[in-house]
Amino acid sequence: MATVTPQMVKQLRDRTDQPMGLCKQALDLNAGDMDKAIDYLKSLNSKMQAKREGNETAEGRIGVAVDNAAKVGAIVEMRCESAPSAKSDQFIELVADLANHAVNTKAADVATLLTEKYGAGTVQDRIDDTVGKIREKMVLHKFQRLEGGVYGAYVHHDGTVGVIVECKGGAANDELLRDVAAHVAALNPPYANVADVPADIVEKEKALVKADMDADPKNAGKPANILEKIAEGKIRTKLSEVVLSEQQMANEMKYPKTTVGAALKKAGLEPVRFVRLKVGAVVL
């Protein structure tokens, strides 16, 4: 049996980021074999995740990844137990790794993605490695992969809100698409384009506008074509409250008097859809 030295314990500690006492235990139980000791620590990490299975994961971080050369983008929501852990370098790195993996995944759901190969193990093993370092329950809550468009992404500075925007058209304009994604993060519009708004909602808004105009004595005697233009303007204003393409860019200093649709059109792009995730948000 090999004698376990302090240098061996430190080497294992450097390779696994586990506590010194646990590293010594792993080496003692495995006769100083470094690889077997690492496998032992990995097994403990998996068990640790299982022990914490009932713990609540109310904190977390959103991760995004874009590969416009391959016309693919992905967004993930990773959960953990505490806010300090969500801000830790290890957790931030984990979320980034999972977002990059999701860009290339063929999985249709989280359960399948967790079983996919990642390095020498699986995606779940990658998560378990970080669990072993931070010692909290961690869950890949959801992910979405988009394909076939031009993509831009944004994550709020605290990691709690993230957006990926898909457009069609010419080449990606990274700065503009990031600004549009940041706009979505801030304003959270329900629809990307007017065509996405359900017909019954549009008709309801038109009826409300008509009723308001009919009740306004200032409109009496105005020509029908003028009234029609006024109505169109009012409806457009209503739609700007819920439709991304019709909204004024949130950064008005950078994009004065410019709608999102107009800014994208100038760059040869047109919004198609977007995904906005917020940690802990319930999707109805």
C-alpha atoms as a PDB file:
ATOM      1  CA  MET A   1       0.000   0.000   0.000  1.00  0.00           C
ATOM      2  CA  ALA A   2       1.378   3.407  -0.995  1.00  0.00           C
ATOM      3  CA  THR A   3       1.989   5.871   1.825  1.00  0.00           C
ATOM      4  CA  VAL A   4      -0.347   8.851   1.506  1.00  0.00           C
ATOM      5  CA  THR A   5       1.772  11.991   1.777  1.00  0.00           C
ATOM      6  CA  PRO A   6       0.692  15.603   2.325  1.00  0.00           C
ATOM      7  CA  GLN A   7       1.883  16.330  -1.212  1.00  0.00           C
ATOM      8  CA  MET A   8      -0.501  13.688  -2.600  1.00  0.00           C
ATOM      9  CA  VAL A   9      -3.383  15.137  -0.593  1.00  0.00           C
ATOM     10  CA  LYS A  10      -2.590  18.626  -1.919  1.00  0.00           C
ATOM     11  CA  GLN A  11      -2.396  17.294  -5.474  1.00  0.00           C
ATOM     12  CA  LEU A  12      -5.817  15.691  -5.122  1.00  0.00           C
ATOM     13  CA  ARG A  13      -7.145  18.866  -3.538  1.00  0.00           C
ATOM     14  CA  ASP A  14      -5.830  20.920  -6.479  1.00  0.00           C
ATOM     15  CA  ARG A  15      -7.404  18.538  -8.982  1.00  0.00           C
ATOM     16  CA  THR A  16     -10.814  18.254  -7.327  1.00  0.00           C
ATOM     17  CA  ASP A  17     -11.215  21.353  -5.116  1.00  0.00           C
ATOM     18  CA  GLN A  18     -12.476  19.082  -2.328  1.00  0.00           C
ATOM     19  CA  PRO A  19     -11.688  19.584   1.386  1.00  0.00           C
ATOM     20  CA  MET A  20      -8.244  18.388   2.468  1.00  0.00           C
ATOM     21  CA  GLY A  21      -9.685  15.916   4.991  1.00  0.00           C
ATOM     22  CA  LEU A  22     -11.923  14.353   2.375  1.00  0.00           C
ATOM     23  CA  CYS A  23      -9.034  14.109  -0.080  1.00  0.00           C
ATOM     24  CA  LYS A  24      -6.912  12.289   2.494  1.00  0.00           C
ATOM     25  CA  GLN A  25      -9.802   9.927   3.226  1.00  0.00           C
ATOM     26  CA  ALA A  26     -10.209   9.184  -0.489  1.00  0.00           C
ATOM     27  CA  LEU A  27      -6.515   8.408  -0.881  1.00  0.00           C
ATOM     28  CA  ASP A  28      -6.398   6.279   2.272  1.00  0.00           C
ATOM     29  CA  LEU A  29      -9.378   4.211   1.124  1.00  0.00           C
ATOM     30  CA  ASN A  30      -7.857   3.696  -2.307  1.00  0.00           C
ATOM     31  CA  ALA A  31      -4.274   2.860  -1.322  1.00  0.00           C
ATOM     32  CA  GLY A  32      -2.936   6.163  -2.632  1.00  0.00           C
ATOM     33  CA  ASP A  33      -4.254   5.573  -6.170  1.00  0.00           C
ATOM     34  CA  MET A  34      -5.003   9.089  -7.461  1.00  0.00           C
ATOM     35  CA  ASP A  35      -7.441   8.061 -10.214  1.00  0.00           C
ATOM     36  CA  LYS A  36      -9.407   5.772  -7.922  1.00  0.00           C
ATOM     37  CA  ALA A  37      -9.489   8.510  -5.285  1.00  0.00           C
ATOM     38  CA  ILE A  38     -10.967  10.904  -7.852  1.00  0.00           C
ATOM     39  CA  ASP A  39     -13.611   8.326  -8.813  1.00  0.00           C
ATOM     40  CA  TYR A  40     -14.400   7.891  -5.114  1.00  0.00           C
ATOM     41  CA  LEU A  41     -14.904  11.644  -4.679  1.00  0.00           C
ATOM     42  CA  LYS A  42     -17.132  11.713  -7.756  1.00  0.00           C
ATOM     43  CA  SER A  43     -19.298   9.001  -6.250  1.00  0.00           C
ATOM     44  CA  LEU A  44     -19.597  11.060  -3.073  1.00  0.00           C
ATOM     45  CA  ASN A  45     -20.669  14.088  -5.102  1.00  0.00           C
ATOM     46  CA  SER A  46     -23.444  12.062  -6.711  1.00  0.00           C
ATOM     47  CA  LYS A  47     -24.598  10.816  -3.314  1.00  0.00           C
ATOM     48  CA  MET A  48     -24.424  14.343  -1.960  1.00  0.00           C
ATOM     49  CA  GLN A  49     -26.798  15.504  -4.690  1.00  0.00           C
ATOM     50  CA  ALA A  50     -29.186  12.707  -3.779  1.00  0.00           C
ATOM     51  CA  LYS A  51     -29.069  13.579  -0.068  1.00  0.00           C
ATOM     52  CA  ARG A  52     -30.046  17.168  -0.838  1.00  0.00           C
ATOM     53  CA  GLU A  53     -32.843  16.119  -3.195  1.00  0.00           C
ATOM     54  CA  GLY A  54     -35.557  17.583  -0.969  1.00  0.00           C
ATOM     55  CA  ASN A  55     -33.899  20.994  -0.649  1.00  0.00           C
ATOM     56  CA  GLU A  56     -35.500  23.974  -2.369  1.00  0.00           C
ATOM     57  CA  THR A  57     -33.660  25.536  -5.314  1.00  0.00           C
ATOM     58  CA  ALA A  58     -35.069  29.057  -5.443  1.00  0.00           C
ATOM     59  CA  GLU A  59     -31.871  30.784  -6.612  1.00  0.00           C
ATOM     60  CA  GLY A  60     -29.912  30.329  -9.799  1.00  0.00           C
ATOM     61  CA  ARG A  61     -28.642  31.781 -13.014  1.00  0.00           C
ATOM     62  CA  ILE A  62     -29.556  32.037 -16.695  1.00  0.00           C
ATOM     63  CA  GLY A  63     -26.973  31.101 -19.299  1.00  0.00           C
ATOM     64  CA  VAL A  64     -26.982  31.789 -23.038  1.00  0.00           C
ATOM     65  CA  ALA A  65     -24.803  30.700 -25.931  1.00  0.00           C
ATOM     66  CA  VAL A  66     -24.899  31.644 -29.608  1.00  0.00           C
ATOM     67  CA  ASP A  67     -23.159  30.188 -32.647  1.00  0.00           C
ATOM     68  CA  ASN A  68     -24.248  32.278 -35.616  1.00  0.00           C
ATOM     69  CA  ALA A  69     -21.882  30.420 -37.940  1.00  0.00           C
ATOM     70  CA  ALA A  70     -23.987  27.316 -37.280  1.00  0.00           C
ATOM     71  CA  LYS A  71     -27.227  29.343 -36.935  1.00  0.00           C
ATOM     72  CA  VAL A  72     -27.878  28.001 -33.445  1.00  0.00           C
ATOM     73  CA  GLY A  73     -28.565  29.511 -30.046  1.00  0.00           C
ATOM     74  CA  ALA A  74     -29.450  28.124 -26.627  1.00  0.00           C
ATOM     75  CA  ILE A  75     -30.606  29.343 -23.235  1.00  0.00           C
ATOM     76  CA  VAL A  76     -30.589  27.469 -19.929  1.00  0.00           C
ATOM     77  CA  GLU A  77     -31.920  28.027 -16.413  1.00  0.00           C
ATOM     78  CA  MET A  78     -29.787  26.474 -13.702  1.00  0.00           C
ATOM     79  CA  ARG A  79     -31.034  26.467 -10.100  1.00  0.00           C
ATOM     80  CA  CYS A  80     -29.234  26.212  -6.748  1.00  0.00           C
ATOM     81  CA  GLU A  81     -30.117  26.751  -3.095  1.00  0.00           C
ATOM     82  CA  SER A  82     -28.558  30.101  -2.176  1.00  0.00           C
ATOM     83  CA  ALA A  83     -27.796  33.487  -3.738  1.00  0.00           C
ATOM     84  CA  PRO A  84     -24.071  33.415  -2.785  1.00  0.00           C
ATOM     85  CA  SER A  85     -23.675  30.097  -4.596  1.00  0.00           C
ATOM     86  CA  ALA A  86     -25.453  31.480  -7.667  1.00  0.00           C
ATOM     87  CA  LYS A  87     -22.836  34.249  -7.794  1.00  0.00           C
ATOM     88  CA  SER A  88     -19.842  31.973  -7.262  1.00  0.00           C
ATOM     89  CA  ASP A  89     -17.254  31.500 -10.005  1.00  0.00           C
ATOM     90  CA  GLN A  90     -17.814  27.729 -10.016  1.00  0.00           C
ATOM     91  CA  PHE A  91     -21.549  28.065 -10.569  1.00  0.00           C
ATOM     92  CA  ILE A  92     -21.154  30.770 -13.232  1.00  0.00           C
ATOM     93  CA  GLU A  93     -18.677  28.523 -15.060  1.00  0.00           C
ATOM     94  CA  LEU A  94     -21.066  25.572 -14.791  1.00  0.00           C
ATOM     95  CA  VAL A  95     -23.959  27.554 -16.287  1.00  0.00           C
ATOM     96  CA  ALA A  96     -21.764  28.745 -19.159  1.00  0.00           C
ATOM     97  CA  ASP A  97     -20.612  25.175 -19.838  1.00  0.00           C
ATOM     98  CA  LEU A  98     -24.204  23.893 -19.908  1.00  0.00           C
ATOM     99  CA  ALA A  99     -25.352  26.683 -22.234  1.00  0.00           C
ATOM    100  CA  ASN A 100     -22.506  25.888 -24.636  1.00  0.00           C
ATOM    101  CA  HIS A 101     -23.378  22.203 -24.456  1.00  0.00           C
ATOM    102  CA  ALA A 102     -27.048  22.959 -25.151  1.00  0.00           C
ATOM    103  CA  VAL A 103     -26.071  24.651 -28.421  1.00  0.00           C
ATOM    104  CA  ASN A 104     -24.886  21.274 -29.726  1.00  0.00           C
ATOM    105  CA  THR A 105     -27.363  18.976 -28.005  1.00  0.00           C
ATOM    106  CA  LYS A 106     -29.857  16.779 -29.793  1.00  0.00           C
ATOM    107  CA  ALA A 107     -31.844  16.223 -26.598  1.00  0.00           C
ATOM    108  CA  ALA A 108     -35.521  17.098 -26.570  1.00  0.00           C
ATOM    109  CA  ASP A 109     -35.760  17.451 -22.798  1.00  0.00           C
ATOM    110  CA  VAL A 110     -33.691  18.007 -19.670  1.00  0.00           C
ATOM    111  CA  ALA A 111     -33.684  14.347 -18.622  1.00  0.00           C
ATOM    112  CA  THR A 112     -32.124  13.297 -21.923  1.00  0.00           C
ATOM    113  CA  LEU A 113     -29.611  16.131 -21.956  1.00  0.00           C
ATOM    114  CA  LEU A 114     -28.324  15.128 -18.510  1.00  0.00           C
ATOM    115  CA  THR A 115     -27.362  11.694 -19.825  1.00  0.00           C
ATOM    116  CA  GLU A 116     -25.374  13.036 -22.781  1.00  0.00           C
ATOM    117  CA  LYS A 117     -21.614  12.666 -22.872  1.00  0.00           C
ATOM    118  CA  TYR A 118     -19.637  15.553 -21.406  1.00  0.00           C
ATOM    119  CA  GLY A 119     -15.860  15.167 -21.238  1.00  0.00           C
ATOM    120  CA  ALA A 120     -15.050  11.833 -19.622  1.00  0.00           C
ATOM    121  CA  GLY A 121     -18.519  11.555 -18.079  1.00  0.00           C
ATOM    122  CA  THR A 122     -22.010  12.939 -18.585  1.00  0.00           C
ATOM    123  CA  VAL A 123     -23.665  16.331 -18.201  1.00  0.00           C
ATOM    124  CA  GLN A 124     -24.985  15.159 -14.825  1.00  0.00           C
ATOM    125  CA  ASP A 125     -21.412  14.308 -13.788  1.00  0.00           C
ATOM    126  CA  ARG A 126     -20.381  17.866 -14.708  1.00  0.00           C
ATOM    127  CA  ILE A 127     -23.134  19.187 -12.417  1.00  0.00           C
ATOM    128  CA  ASP A 128     -22.187  16.754  -9.647  1.00  0.00           C
ATOM    129  CA  ASP A 129     -18.582  17.986  -9.775  1.00  0.00           C
ATOM    130  CA  THR A 130     -19.762  21.498  -8.910  1.00  0.00           C
ATOM    131  CA  VAL A 131     -22.143  20.146  -6.276  1.00  0.00           C
ATOM    132  CA  GLY A 132     -19.140  18.545  -4.623  1.00  0.00           C
ATOM    133  CA  LYS A 133     -17.318  21.878  -4.513  1.00  0.00           C
ATOM    134  CA  ILE A 134     -20.175  24.134  -3.409  1.00  0.00           C
ATOM    135  CA  ARG A 135     -22.149  21.483  -1.499  1.00  0.00           C
ATOM    136  CA  GLU A 136     -25.608  22.559  -2.545  1.00  0.00           C
ATOM    137  CA  LYS A 137     -28.337  20.949  -4.579  1.00  0.00           C
ATOM    138  CA  MET A 138     -28.184  22.070  -8.220  1.00  0.00           C
ATOM    139  CA  VAL A 139     -30.775  21.436 -10.894  1.00  0.00           C
ATOM    140  CA  LEU A 140     -30.856  22.109 -14.618  1.00  0.00           C
ATOM    141  CA  HIS A 141     -34.399  23.441 -14.536  1.00  0.00           C
ATOM    142  CA  LYS A 142     -35.002  24.083 -18.236  1.00  0.00           C
ATOM    143  CA  PHE A 143     -33.329  24.792 -21.538  1.00  0.00           C
ATOM    144  CA  GLN A 144     -34.334  25.748 -25.052  1.00  0.00           C
ATOM    145  CA  ARG A 145     -32.386  25.417 -28.267  1.00  0.00           C
ATOM    146  CA  LEU A 146     -33.193  27.518 -31.345  1.00  0.00           C
ATOM    147  CA  GLU A 147     -31.960  26.744 -34.828  1.00  0.00           C
ATOM    148  CA  GLY A 148     -32.041  28.228 -38.323  1.00  0.00           C
ATOM    149  CA  GLY A 149     -31.897  31.955 -37.618  1.00  0.00           C
ATOM    150  CA  VAL A 150     -29.630  34.831 -36.662  1.00  0.00           C
ATOM    151  CA  TYR A 151     -29.215  35.148 -32.894  1.00  0.00           C
ATOM    152  CA  GLY A 152     -28.442  37.689 -30.233  1.00  0.00           C
ATOM    153  CA  ALA A 153     -28.382  37.220 -26.471  1.00  0.00           C
ATOM    154  CA  TYR A 154     -28.256  39.109 -23.211  1.00  0.00           C
ATOM    155  CA  VAL A 155     -28.016  38.159 -19.531  1.00  0.00           C
ATOM    156  CA  HIS A 156     -28.684  40.702 -16.795  1.00  0.00           C
ATOM    157  CA  HIS A 157     -25.660  41.520 -14.638  1.00  0.00           C
ATOM    158  CA  ASP A 158     -26.951  39.429 -11.717  1.00  0.00           C
ATOM    159  CA  GLY A 159     -27.717  36.458 -13.954  1.00  0.00           C
ATOM    160  CA  THR A 160     -31.375  36.224 -12.979  1.00  0.00           C
ATOM    161  CA  VAL A 161     -32.832  37.236 -16.371  1.00  0.00           C
ATOM    162  CA  GLY A 162     -31.651  36.177 -19.794  1.00  0.00           C
ATOM    163  CA  VAL A 163     -32.924  36.488 -23.353  1.00  0.00           C
ATOM    164  CA  ILE A 164     -32.107  34.991 -26.713  1.00  0.00           C
ATOM    165  CA  VAL A 165     -33.560  36.691 -29.820  1.00  0.00           C
ATOM    166  CA  GLU A 166     -33.995  35.045 -33.203  1.00  0.00           C
ATOM    167  CA  CYS A 167     -34.149  37.069 -36.420  1.00  0.00           C
ATOM    168  CA  LYS A 168     -34.148  36.320 -40.102  1.00  0.00           C
ATOM    169  CA  GLY A 169     -32.317  38.196 -42.798  1.00  0.00           C
ATOM    170  CA  GLY A 170     -28.673  39.018 -43.388  1.00  0.00           C
ATOM    171  CA  ALA A 171     -25.592  38.662 -41.253  1.00  0.00           C
ATOM    172  CA  ALA A 172     -25.733  39.014 -37.494  1.00  0.00           C
ATOM    173  CA  ASN A 173     -25.215  42.451 -35.982  1.00  0.00           C
ATOM    174  CA  ASP A 174     -23.946  41.445 -32.544  1.00  0.00           C
ATOM    175  CA  GLU A 175     -24.260  44.849 -30.888  1.00  0.00           C
ATOM    176  CA  LEU A 176     -27.770  45.551 -32.179  1.00  0.00           C
ATOM    177  CA  LEU A 177     -29.040  42.050 -31.409  1.00  0.00           C
ATOM    178  CA  ARG A 178     -27.644  42.259 -27.885  1.00  0.00           C
ATOM    179  CA  ASP A 179     -29.428  45.603 -27.458  1.00  0.00           C
ATOM    180  CA  VAL A 180     -32.693  44.080 -28.684  1.00  0.00           C
ATOM    181  CA  ALA A 181     -32.267  41.152 -26.288  1.00  0.00           C
ATOM    182  CA  ALA A 182     -31.604  43.626 -23.444  1.00  0.00           C
ATOM    183  CA  HIS A 183     -34.788  45.460 -24.477  1.00  0.00           C
ATOM    184  CA  VAL A 184     -36.767  42.235 -24.170  1.00  0.00           C
ATOM    185  CA  ALA A 185     -35.204  41.560 -20.776  1.00  0.00           C
ATOM    186  CA  ALA A 186     -36.322  44.986 -19.539  1.00  0.00           C
ATOM    187  CA  LEU A 187     -39.802  45.319 -21.117  1.00  0.00           C
ATOM    188  CA  ASN A 188     -40.842  41.678 -21.519  1.00  0.00           C
ATOM    189  CA  PRO A 189     -43.256  42.089 -24.458  1.00  0.00           C
ATOM    190  CA  PRO A 190     -45.593  39.122 -25.028  1.00  0.00           C
ATOM    191  CA  TYR A 191     -45.215  39.068 -28.835  1.00  0.00           C
ATOM    192  CA  ALA A 192     -42.388  39.507 -31.353  1.00  0.00           C
ATOM    193  CA  ASN A 193     -44.485  40.754 -34.297  1.00  0.00           C
ATOM    194  CA  VAL A 194     -47.983  42.084 -34.948  1.00  0.00           C
ATOM    195  CA  ALA A 195     -48.767  38.858 -36.789  1.00  0.00           C
ATOM    196  CA  ASP A 196     -48.166  36.952 -33.540  1.00  0.00           C
ATOM    197  CA  VAL A 197     -50.966  38.760 -31.702  1.00  0.00           C
ATOM    198  CA  PRO A 198     -54.127  36.609 -31.617  1.00  0.00           C
ATOM    199  CA  ALA A 199     -56.843  37.898 -33.962  1.00  0.00           C
ATOM    200  CA  ASP A 200     -59.410  38.211 -31.174  1.00  0.00           C
ATOM    201  CA  ILE A 201     -57.138  40.561 -29.222  1.00  0.00           C
ATOM    202  CA  VAL A 202     -56.542  42.725 -32.305  1.00  0.00           C
ATOM    203  CA  GLU A 203     -60.286  42.915 -33.033  1.00  0.00           C
ATOM    204  CA  LYS A 204     -60.990  43.807 -29.407  1.00  0.00           C
ATOM    205  CA  GLU A 205     -58.493  46.673 -29.535  1.00  0.00           C
ATOM    206  CA  LYS A 206     -59.949  47.901 -32.824  1.00  0.00           C
ATOM    207  CA  ALA A 207     -63.441  47.897 -31.304  1.00  0.00           C
ATOM    208  CA  LEU A 208     -62.235  49.887 -28.277  1.00  0.00           C
ATOM    209  CA  VAL A 209     -60.484  52.438 -30.498  1.00  0.00           C
ATOM    210  CA  LYS A 210     -63.592  52.822 -32.672  1.00  0.00           C
ATOM    211  CA  ALA A 211     -65.809  53.294 -29.623  1.00  0.00           C
ATOM    212  CA  ASP A 212     -63.475  55.975 -28.229  1.00  0.00           C
ATOM    213  CA  MET A 213     -63.347  57.795 -31.555  1.00  0.00           C
ATOM    214  CA  ASP A 214     -67.118  57.648 -32.042  1.00  0.00           C
ATOM    215  CA  ALA A 215     -67.577  59.169 -28.603  1.00  0.00           C
ATOM    216  CA  ASP A 216     -65.141  62.039 -29.280  1.00  0.00           C
ATOM    217  CA  PRO A 217     -67.003  65.099 -30.668  1.00  0.00           C
ATOM    218  CA  LYS A 218     -63.731  66.346 -32.229  1.00  0.00           C
ATOM    219  CA  ASN A 219     -64.034  63.587 -34.819  1.00  0.00           C
ATOM    220  CA  ALA A 220     -67.477  64.679 -36.026  1.00  0.00           C
ATOM    221  CA  GLY A 221     -67.451  65.645 -39.689  1.00  0.00           C
ATOM    222  CA  LYS A 222     -63.899  64.443 -40.360  1.00  0.00           C
ATOM    223  CA  PRO A 223     -63.422  62.612 -43.681  1.00  0.00           C
ATOM    224  CA  ALA A 224     -63.433  58.819 -43.534  1.00  0.00           C
ATOM    225  CA  ASN A 225     -59.823  58.544 -44.778  1.00  0.00           C
ATOM    226  CA  ILE A 226     -58.614  60.855 -41.993  1.00  0.00           C
ATOM    227  CA  LEU A 227     -60.529  58.899 -39.370  1.00  0.00           C
ATOM    228  CA  GLU A 228     -59.012  55.694 -40.713  1.00  0.00           C
ATOM    229  CA  LYS A 229     -55.475  57.077 -40.349  1.00  0.00           C
ATOM    230  CA  ILE A 230     -56.228  58.264 -36.823  1.00  0.00           C
ATOM    231  CA  ALA A 231     -57.578  54.822 -35.944  1.00  0.00           C
ATOM    232  CA  GLU A 232     -54.504  53.115 -37.409  1.00  0.00           C
ATOM    233  CA  GLY A 233     -52.248  55.328 -35.321  1.00  0.00           C
ATOM    234  CA  LYS A 234     -54.184  54.565 -32.132  1.00  0.00           C
ATOM    235  CA  ILE A 235     -54.127  50.832 -32.815  1.00  0.00           C
ATOM    236  CA  ARG A 236     -50.397  50.977 -33.505  1.00  0.00           C
ATOM    237  CA  THR A 237     -49.923  52.731 -30.169  1.00  0.00           C
ATOM    238  CA  LYS A 238     -51.928  50.001 -28.430  1.00  0.00           C
ATOM    239  CA  LEU A 239     -49.923  47.272 -30.122  1.00  0.00           C
ATOM    240  CA  SER A 240     -46.640  48.932 -29.149  1.00  0.00           C
ATOM    241  CA  GLU A 241     -47.491  48.028 -25.566  1.00  0.00           C
ATOM    242  CA  VAL A 242     -47.347  44.299 -26.326  1.00  0.00           C
ATOM    243  CA  VAL A 243     -45.406  43.815 -29.597  1.00  0.00           C
ATOM    244  CA  LEU A 244     -41.601  43.910 -29.701  1.00  0.00           C
ATOM    245  CA  SER A 245     -41.268  45.181 -33.278  1.00  0.00           C
ATOM    246  CA  GLU A 246     -43.582  48.136 -32.565  1.00  0.00           C
ATOM    247  CA  GLN A 247     -41.878  49.295 -29.353  1.00  0.00           C
ATOM    248  CA  GLN A 248     -39.431  52.174 -29.150  1.00  0.00           C
ATOM    249  CA  MET A 249     -35.927  50.900 -28.428  1.00  0.00           C
ATOM    250  CA  ALA A 250     -35.373  50.999 -24.676  1.00  0.00           C
ATOM    251  CA  ASN A 251     -32.005  52.714 -25.136  1.00  0.00           C
ATOM    252  CA  GLU A 252     -33.428  55.962 -26.540  1.00  0.00           C
ATOM    253  CA  MET A 253     -30.095  57.798 -26.397  1.00  0.00           C
ATOM    254  CA  LYS A 254     -28.507  55.222 -28.679  1.00  0.00           C
ATOM    255  CA  TYR A 255     -31.601  54.701 -30.850  1.00  0.00           C
ATOM    256  CA  PRO A 256     -33.580  57.992 -30.784  1.00  0.00           C
ATOM    257  CA  LYS A 257     -37.170  57.745 -32.018  1.00  0.00           C
ATOM    258  CA  THR A 258     -36.513  54.277 -33.426  1.00  0.00           C
ATOM    259  CA  THR A 259     -38.682  51.211 -33.039  1.00  0.00           C
ATOM    260  CA  VAL A 260     -37.140  47.798 -32.591  1.00  0.00           C
ATOM    261  CA  GLY A 261     -38.524  46.759 -35.975  1.00  0.00           C
ATOM    262  CA  ALA A 262     -37.013  49.810 -37.683  1.00  0.00           C
ATOM    263  CA  ALA A 263     -33.607  49.305 -36.063  1.00  0.00           C
ATOM    264  CA  LEU A 264     -33.527  45.688 -37.182  1.00  0.00           C
ATOM    265  CA  LYS A 265     -34.794  46.515 -40.669  1.00  0.00           C
ATOM    266  CA  LYS A 266     -31.962  49.004 -41.119  1.00  0.00           C
ATOM    267  CA  ALA A 267     -29.556  46.138 -40.400  1.00  0.00           C
ATOM    268  CA  GLY A 268     -31.357  43.838 -42.849  1.00  0.00           C
ATOM    269  CA  LEU A 269     -33.002  41.821 -40.090  1.00  0.00           C
ATOM    270  CA  GLU A 270     -36.535  40.990 -38.987  1.00  0.00           C
ATOM    271  CA  PRO A 271     -37.573  39.628 -35.570  1.00  0.00           C
ATOM    272  CA  VAL A 272     -38.948  36.087 -35.555  1.00  0.00           C
ATOM    273  CA  ARG A 273     -39.187  35.058 -31.898  1.00  0.00           C
ATOM    274  CA  PHE A 274     -37.448  35.306 -28.570  1.00  0.00           C
ATOM    275  CA  VAL A 275     -37.088  33.312 -25.362  1.00  0.00           C
ATOM    276  CA  ARG A 276     -36.923  35.168 -22.047  1.00  0.00           C
ATOM    277  CA  LEU A 277     -36.142  33.225 -18.883  1.00  0.00           C
ATOM    278  CA  LYS A 278     -36.177  34.530 -15.329  1.00  0.00           C
ATOM    279  CA  VAL A 279     -34.924  32.426 -12.435  1.00  0.00           C
ATOM    280  CA  GLY A 280     -37.885  31.043 -10.537  1.00  0.00           C
ATOM    281  CA  ALA A 281     -40.514  32.403 -12.913  1.00  0.00           C
ATOM    282  CA  VAL A 282     -43.566  30.206 -13.457  1.00  0.00           C
ATOM    283  CA  VAL A 283     -44.507  29.767 -17.113  1.00  0.00           C
ATOM    284  CA  LEU A 284     -48.272  29.457 -17.506  1.00  0.00           C
END
